[in-house]
Amino acid sequence: MALNKIERRKRIHYRIRKVVNGTAERPRMVVFSSNKQIYVQVVDDLKGITLVAAASNDKELAADCKGKTGVEAAAIVGKKIAERALAKGITTISFDRGGYLYHGRVKSLADAAREGGLIF
């Protein structure tokens, strides 16, 4: 039987997670994208904690993302996560695309995070 879209993405994500993991020196930046919003977290997998997070529906970012396309909103979130990570002293990360294809909103978020100063 064929997999549905969500099951397929989860399988790809598990395959990615075998290789990509976050440490204290190089935490993992993971992306989740719903139909309307995009969320990103910087996670230390060894301790099991989220160090920094941002989303298109955060109180700070909701007004900026309102009325924008998904790609534009993802760029705003990418810049914000880079700003918050640099404030916490995080410069290098491992990028986990969460099973999504690397184009559109995911690519826009990653490019904006790189412009913001994150290295990956």
N, C-alpha and C. Protein backbone atom coordinates (compact mmCIF):
# COMPACT_ATOMS: atom_id res chain seq x y z
N MET A 1 0.84 -1.18 0.00
CA MET A 1 0.00 0.00 0.00
C MET A 1 0.88 1.25 0.00
N ALA A 2 0.48 2.24 -0.72
CA ALA A 2 1.25 3.48 -0.83
C ALA A 2 1.17 4.28 0.46
N LEU A 3 2.25 4.97 0.75
CA LEU A 3 2.29 5.82 1.93
C LEU A 3 1.59 7.13 1.64
N ASN A 4 0.98 7.69 2.67
CA ASN A 4 0.46 9.03 2.47
C ASN A 4 1.59 10.04 2.67
N LYS A 5 1.30 11.29 2.45
CA LYS A 5 2.32 12.34 2.45
C LYS A 5 3.03 12.47 3.80
N ILE A 6 2.27 12.37 4.89
CA ILE A 6 2.84 12.54 6.22
C ILE A 6 3.73 11.35 6.57
N GLU A 7 3.28 10.13 6.28
CA GLU A 7 4.09 8.94 6.56
C GLU A 7 5.38 8.96 5.76
N ARG A 8 5.31 9.39 4.52
CA ARG A 8 6.49 9.47 3.67
C ARG A 8 7.50 10.46 4.25
N ARG A 9 7.02 11.64 4.67
CA ARG A 9 7.91 12.65 5.25
C ARG A 9 8.55 12.14 6.54
N LYS A 10 7.78 11.43 7.37
CA LYS A 10 8.33 10.90 8.61
C LYS A 10 9.41 9.86 8.33
N ARG A 11 9.23 9.02 7.33
CA ARG A 11 10.25 8.04 6.97
C ARG A 11 11.53 8.73 6.52
N ILE A 12 11.40 9.75 5.71
CA ILE A 12 12.57 10.51 5.25
C ILE A 12 13.25 11.17 6.44
N HIS A 13 12.44 11.71 7.38
CA HIS A 13 13.00 12.38 8.55
C HIS A 13 13.78 11.38 9.41
N TYR A 14 13.26 10.18 9.61
CA TYR A 14 14.00 9.16 10.37
C TYR A 14 15.33 8.83 9.69
N ARG A 15 15.31 8.77 8.38
CA ARG A 15 16.53 8.47 7.63
C ARG A 15 17.56 9.59 7.81
N ILE A 16 17.10 10.83 7.82
CA ILE A 16 17.99 11.97 8.03
C ILE A 16 18.54 11.96 9.46
N ARG A 17 17.68 11.61 10.43
CA ARG A 17 18.08 11.65 11.84
C ARG A 17 19.12 10.61 12.20
N LYS A 18 19.28 9.57 11.37
CA LYS A 18 20.34 8.60 11.61
C LYS A 18 21.70 9.27 11.48
N VAL A 19 21.78 10.30 10.66
CA VAL A 19 23.05 10.96 10.36
C VAL A 19 23.19 12.28 11.11
N VAL A 20 22.14 13.09 11.14
CA VAL A 20 22.19 14.44 11.71
C VAL A 20 21.78 14.38 13.18
N ASN A 21 22.66 14.84 14.06
CA ASN A 21 22.31 14.95 15.47
C ASN A 21 22.93 16.21 16.05
N GLY A 22 22.38 16.67 17.14
CA GLY A 22 22.82 17.92 17.74
C GLY A 22 23.61 17.70 19.01
N THR A 23 24.69 18.43 19.16
CA THR A 23 25.49 18.39 20.37
C THR A 23 25.52 19.80 20.96
N ALA A 24 26.19 19.95 22.08
CA ALA A 24 26.28 21.27 22.70
C ALA A 24 27.10 22.21 21.82
N GLU A 25 28.16 21.68 21.16
CA GLU A 25 29.01 22.52 20.32
C GLU A 25 28.34 22.83 18.98
N ARG A 26 27.58 21.85 18.46
CA ARG A 26 26.93 21.99 17.15
C ARG A 26 25.50 21.48 17.25
N PRO A 27 24.58 22.32 17.74
CA PRO A 27 23.20 21.86 17.89
C PRO A 27 22.50 21.69 16.54
N ARG A 28 21.38 21.01 16.58
CA ARG A 28 20.61 20.70 15.37
C ARG A 28 19.49 21.73 15.22
N MET A 29 19.40 22.31 14.02
CA MET A 29 18.31 23.23 13.72
C MET A 29 17.27 22.46 12.91
N VAL A 30 16.12 22.23 13.52
CA VAL A 30 15.08 21.41 12.89
C VAL A 30 13.91 22.29 12.46
N VAL A 31 13.35 21.96 11.28
CA VAL A 31 12.27 22.73 10.67
C VAL A 31 11.00 21.90 10.68
N PHE A 32 9.89 22.53 11.05
CA PHE A 32 8.57 21.93 10.85
C PHE A 32 7.72 22.93 10.09
N SER A 33 7.06 22.45 9.09
CA SER A 33 6.26 23.32 8.24
C SER A 33 4.84 22.78 8.16
N SER A 34 3.88 23.56 8.63
CA SER A 34 2.48 23.20 8.46
C SER A 34 1.97 23.91 7.21
N ASN A 35 0.71 23.77 6.92
CA ASN A 35 0.17 24.43 5.73
C ASN A 35 0.21 25.95 5.84
N LYS A 36 0.07 26.48 7.05
CA LYS A 36 0.01 27.93 7.22
C LYS A 36 1.25 28.54 7.87
N GLN A 37 1.92 27.80 8.75
CA GLN A 37 3.02 28.36 9.54
C GLN A 37 4.30 27.58 9.29
N ILE A 38 5.41 28.17 9.72
CA ILE A 38 6.70 27.47 9.71
C ILE A 38 7.36 27.68 11.07
N TYR A 39 7.90 26.60 11.61
CA TYR A 39 8.49 26.60 12.94
C TYR A 39 9.93 26.11 12.83
N VAL A 40 10.81 26.63 13.66
CA VAL A 40 12.20 26.18 13.68
C VAL A 40 12.70 26.21 15.12
N GLN A 41 13.49 25.16 15.46
CA GLN A 41 14.07 25.05 16.79
C GLN A 41 15.55 24.70 16.66
N VAL A 42 16.33 25.16 17.60
CA VAL A 42 17.72 24.75 17.71
C VAL A 42 17.80 23.87 18.95
N VAL A 43 18.18 22.60 18.76
CA VAL A 43 18.05 21.58 19.79
C VAL A 43 19.40 20.96 20.12
N ASP A 44 19.65 20.76 21.40
CA ASP A 44 20.79 19.96 21.87
C ASP A 44 20.24 18.57 22.16
N ASP A 45 20.55 17.60 21.31
CA ASP A 45 19.99 16.26 21.44
C ASP A 45 20.59 15.47 22.60
N LEU A 46 21.80 15.78 23.01
CA LEU A 46 22.42 15.06 24.12
C LEU A 46 21.71 15.34 25.43
N LYS A 47 21.33 16.60 25.64
CA LYS A 47 20.59 16.98 26.85
C LYS A 47 19.09 16.87 26.65
N GLY A 48 18.65 16.88 25.38
CA GLY A 48 17.23 16.79 25.09
C GLY A 48 16.49 18.09 25.37
N ILE A 49 17.14 19.22 25.07
CA ILE A 49 16.51 20.51 25.33
C ILE A 49 16.52 21.39 24.08
N THR A 50 15.55 22.27 24.01
CA THR A 50 15.49 23.27 22.96
C THR A 50 16.22 24.51 23.45
N LEU A 51 17.20 24.94 22.68
CA LEU A 51 18.00 26.10 23.08
C LEU A 51 17.35 27.40 22.62
N VAL A 52 16.87 27.41 21.37
CA VAL A 52 16.26 28.60 20.78
C VAL A 52 15.14 28.14 19.86
N ALA A 53 14.09 28.95 19.74
CA ALA A 53 12.99 28.62 18.84
C ALA A 53 12.43 29.89 18.22
N ALA A 54 11.83 29.72 17.05
CA ALA A 54 11.13 30.83 16.38
C ALA A 54 10.05 30.22 15.49
N ALA A 55 9.02 30.99 15.25
CA ALA A 55 7.93 30.53 14.39
C ALA A 55 7.26 31.72 13.74
N SER A 56 6.58 31.46 12.65
CA SER A 56 5.92 32.55 11.94
C SER A 56 4.71 33.08 12.70
N ASN A 57 4.26 32.37 13.73
CA ASN A 57 3.15 32.87 14.54
C ASN A 57 3.57 33.31 15.94
N ASP A 58 4.88 33.55 16.14
CA ASP A 58 5.36 34.14 17.40
C ASP A 58 4.74 35.52 17.56
N LYS A 59 4.66 35.98 18.80
CA LYS A 59 4.11 37.31 19.05
C LYS A 59 4.91 38.39 18.34
N GLU A 60 6.24 38.24 18.34
CA GLU A 60 7.10 39.25 17.70
C GLU A 60 7.00 39.22 16.18
N LEU A 61 6.86 38.03 15.61
CA LEU A 61 6.94 37.87 14.16
C LEU A 61 5.59 37.83 13.45
N ALA A 62 4.51 37.63 14.17
CA ALA A 62 3.20 37.46 13.54
C ALA A 62 2.81 38.67 12.70
N ALA A 63 3.08 39.85 13.22
CA ALA A 63 2.72 41.07 12.48
C ALA A 63 3.56 41.21 11.21
N ASP A 64 4.85 40.84 11.29
CA ASP A 64 5.73 40.93 10.12
C ASP A 64 5.35 39.91 9.06
N CYS A 65 4.93 38.73 9.48
CA CYS A 65 4.61 37.65 8.54
C CYS A 65 3.20 37.75 7.96
N LYS A 66 2.37 38.56 8.58
CA LYS A 66 0.98 38.68 8.12
C LYS A 66 0.93 39.27 6.72
N GLY A 67 0.21 38.60 5.83
CA GLY A 67 0.05 39.10 4.47
C GLY A 67 1.21 38.77 3.53
N LYS A 68 2.23 38.09 4.04
CA LYS A 68 3.38 37.71 3.21
C LYS A 68 3.15 36.31 2.65
N THR A 69 3.87 35.98 1.58
CA THR A 69 3.83 34.61 1.06
C THR A 69 4.60 33.70 2.02
N GLY A 70 4.47 32.40 1.84
CA GLY A 70 5.14 31.45 2.72
C GLY A 70 6.65 31.57 2.66
N VAL A 71 7.19 31.80 1.46
CA VAL A 71 8.64 31.92 1.30
C VAL A 71 9.15 33.18 2.00
N GLU A 72 8.42 34.27 1.89
CA GLU A 72 8.83 35.53 2.54
C GLU A 72 8.76 35.39 4.06
N ALA A 73 7.71 34.73 4.56
CA ALA A 73 7.58 34.53 6.01
C ALA A 73 8.69 33.64 6.53
N ALA A 74 9.06 32.62 5.76
CA ALA A 74 10.15 31.72 6.16
C ALA A 74 11.47 32.48 6.26
N ALA A 75 11.69 33.42 5.36
CA ALA A 75 12.92 34.23 5.41
C ALA A 75 12.95 35.08 6.67
N ILE A 76 11.82 35.63 7.05
CA ILE A 76 11.75 36.43 8.28
C ILE A 76 12.07 35.56 9.50
N VAL A 77 11.51 34.35 9.53
CA VAL A 77 11.75 33.42 10.64
C VAL A 77 13.21 33.00 10.66
N GLY A 78 13.82 32.77 9.49
CA GLY A 78 15.22 32.38 9.41
C GLY A 78 16.15 33.45 9.96
N LYS A 79 15.86 34.71 9.65
CA LYS A 79 16.68 35.80 10.19
C LYS A 79 16.53 35.90 11.70
N LYS A 80 15.31 35.69 12.19
CA LYS A 80 15.05 35.79 13.62
C LYS A 80 15.73 34.67 14.41
N ILE A 81 15.70 33.44 13.86
CA ILE A 81 16.34 32.32 14.56
C ILE A 81 17.85 32.53 14.59
N ALA A 82 18.42 33.09 13.53
CA ALA A 82 19.86 33.37 13.52
C ALA A 82 20.20 34.42 14.57
N GLU A 83 19.37 35.44 14.65
CA GLU A 83 19.59 36.51 15.64
C GLU A 83 19.52 35.96 17.06
N ARG A 84 18.52 35.12 17.34
CA ARG A 84 18.36 34.56 18.68
C ARG A 84 19.48 33.57 19.00
N ALA A 85 19.91 32.79 18.02
CA ALA A 85 20.98 31.82 18.25
C ALA A 85 22.30 32.53 18.53
N LEU A 86 22.60 33.57 17.76
CA LEU A 86 23.84 34.32 17.97
C LEU A 86 23.84 34.99 19.34
N ALA A 87 22.67 35.43 19.80
CA ALA A 87 22.57 36.04 21.12
C ALA A 87 22.89 35.02 22.22
N LYS A 88 22.60 33.74 21.96
CA LYS A 88 22.91 32.67 22.93
C LYS A 88 24.32 32.12 22.75
N GLY A 89 25.05 32.62 21.75
CA GLY A 89 26.42 32.17 21.53
C GLY A 89 26.53 30.96 20.61
N ILE A 90 25.51 30.67 19.85
CA ILE A 90 25.52 29.54 18.92
C ILE A 90 25.86 30.09 17.54
N THR A 91 26.94 29.58 16.94
CA THR A 91 27.33 30.04 15.61
C THR A 91 27.24 28.95 14.56
N THR A 92 27.59 27.71 14.93
CA THR A 92 27.53 26.61 13.96
C THR A 92 26.43 25.64 14.36
N ILE A 93 25.71 25.15 13.36
CA ILE A 93 24.59 24.24 13.60
C ILE A 93 24.62 23.12 12.57
N SER A 94 23.84 22.08 12.84
CA SER A 94 23.54 21.04 11.86
C SER A 94 22.12 21.29 11.40
N PHE A 95 21.90 21.34 10.10
CA PHE A 95 20.58 21.66 9.56
C PHE A 95 19.80 20.38 9.32
N ASP A 96 18.63 20.29 9.93
CA ASP A 96 17.72 19.14 9.76
C ASP A 96 16.47 19.66 9.07
N ARG A 97 16.31 19.29 7.81
CA ARG A 97 15.19 19.80 7.03
C ARG A 97 13.88 19.11 7.37
N GLY A 98 13.90 18.17 8.27
CA GLY A 98 12.68 17.57 8.78
C GLY A 98 11.94 16.69 7.80
N GLY A 99 12.61 16.17 6.80
CA GLY A 99 11.95 15.31 5.82
C GLY A 99 11.35 16.07 4.66
N TYR A 100 11.43 17.39 4.69
CA TYR A 100 10.90 18.21 3.60
C TYR A 100 11.95 18.33 2.51
N LEU A 101 11.51 18.54 1.29
CA LEU A 101 12.44 18.79 0.20
C LEU A 101 13.11 20.15 0.41
N TYR A 102 14.36 20.27 0.00
CA TYR A 102 15.10 21.51 0.21
C TYR A 102 14.80 22.49 -0.92
N HIS A 103 13.61 23.04 -0.89
CA HIS A 103 13.24 24.11 -1.81
C HIS A 103 12.07 24.86 -1.20
N GLY A 104 11.72 25.97 -1.77
CA GLY A 104 10.59 26.75 -1.27
C GLY A 104 10.86 27.34 0.10
N ARG A 105 9.94 27.06 1.03
CA ARG A 105 10.02 27.67 2.36
C ARG A 105 11.24 27.20 3.15
N VAL A 106 11.59 25.92 3.01
CA VAL A 106 12.74 25.38 3.76
C VAL A 106 14.03 26.02 3.27
N LYS A 107 14.19 26.13 1.97
CA LYS A 107 15.39 26.75 1.40
C LYS A 107 15.47 28.23 1.78
N SER A 108 14.34 28.92 1.73
CA SER A 108 14.29 30.33 2.09
C SER A 108 14.70 30.54 3.54
N LEU A 109 14.22 29.68 4.44
CA LEU A 109 14.57 29.77 5.85
C LEU A 109 16.06 29.52 6.05
N ALA A 110 16.61 28.51 5.39
CA ALA A 110 18.03 28.19 5.53
C ALA A 110 18.91 29.31 5.00
N ASP A 111 18.56 29.85 3.85
CA ASP A 111 19.35 30.94 3.27
C ASP A 111 19.33 32.18 4.18
N ALA A 112 18.16 32.49 4.74
CA ALA A 112 18.07 33.65 5.63
C ALA A 112 18.87 33.42 6.91
N ALA A 113 18.88 32.19 7.42
CA ALA A 113 19.66 31.89 8.62
C ALA A 113 21.16 32.03 8.33
N ARG A 114 21.57 31.62 7.13
CA ARG A 114 22.99 31.78 6.75
C ARG A 114 23.33 33.26 6.63
N GLU A 115 22.45 34.04 6.03
CA GLU A 115 22.67 35.48 5.94
C GLU A 115 22.74 36.13 7.31
N GLY A 116 21.96 35.59 8.26
CA GLY A 116 21.94 36.11 9.62
C GLY A 116 23.19 35.80 10.41
N GLY A 117 24.04 34.88 9.90
CA GLY A 117 25.31 34.62 10.57
C GLY A 117 25.52 33.19 11.02
N LEU A 118 24.56 32.31 10.86
CA LEU A 118 24.74 30.91 11.25
C LEU A 118 25.59 30.18 10.20
N ILE A 119 26.40 29.27 10.65
CA ILE A 119 27.27 28.51 9.76
C ILE A 119 26.79 27.07 9.71
N PHE A 120 26.43 26.60 8.51
CA PHE A 120 26.09 25.20 8.28
C PHE A 120 26.18 24.87 6.82
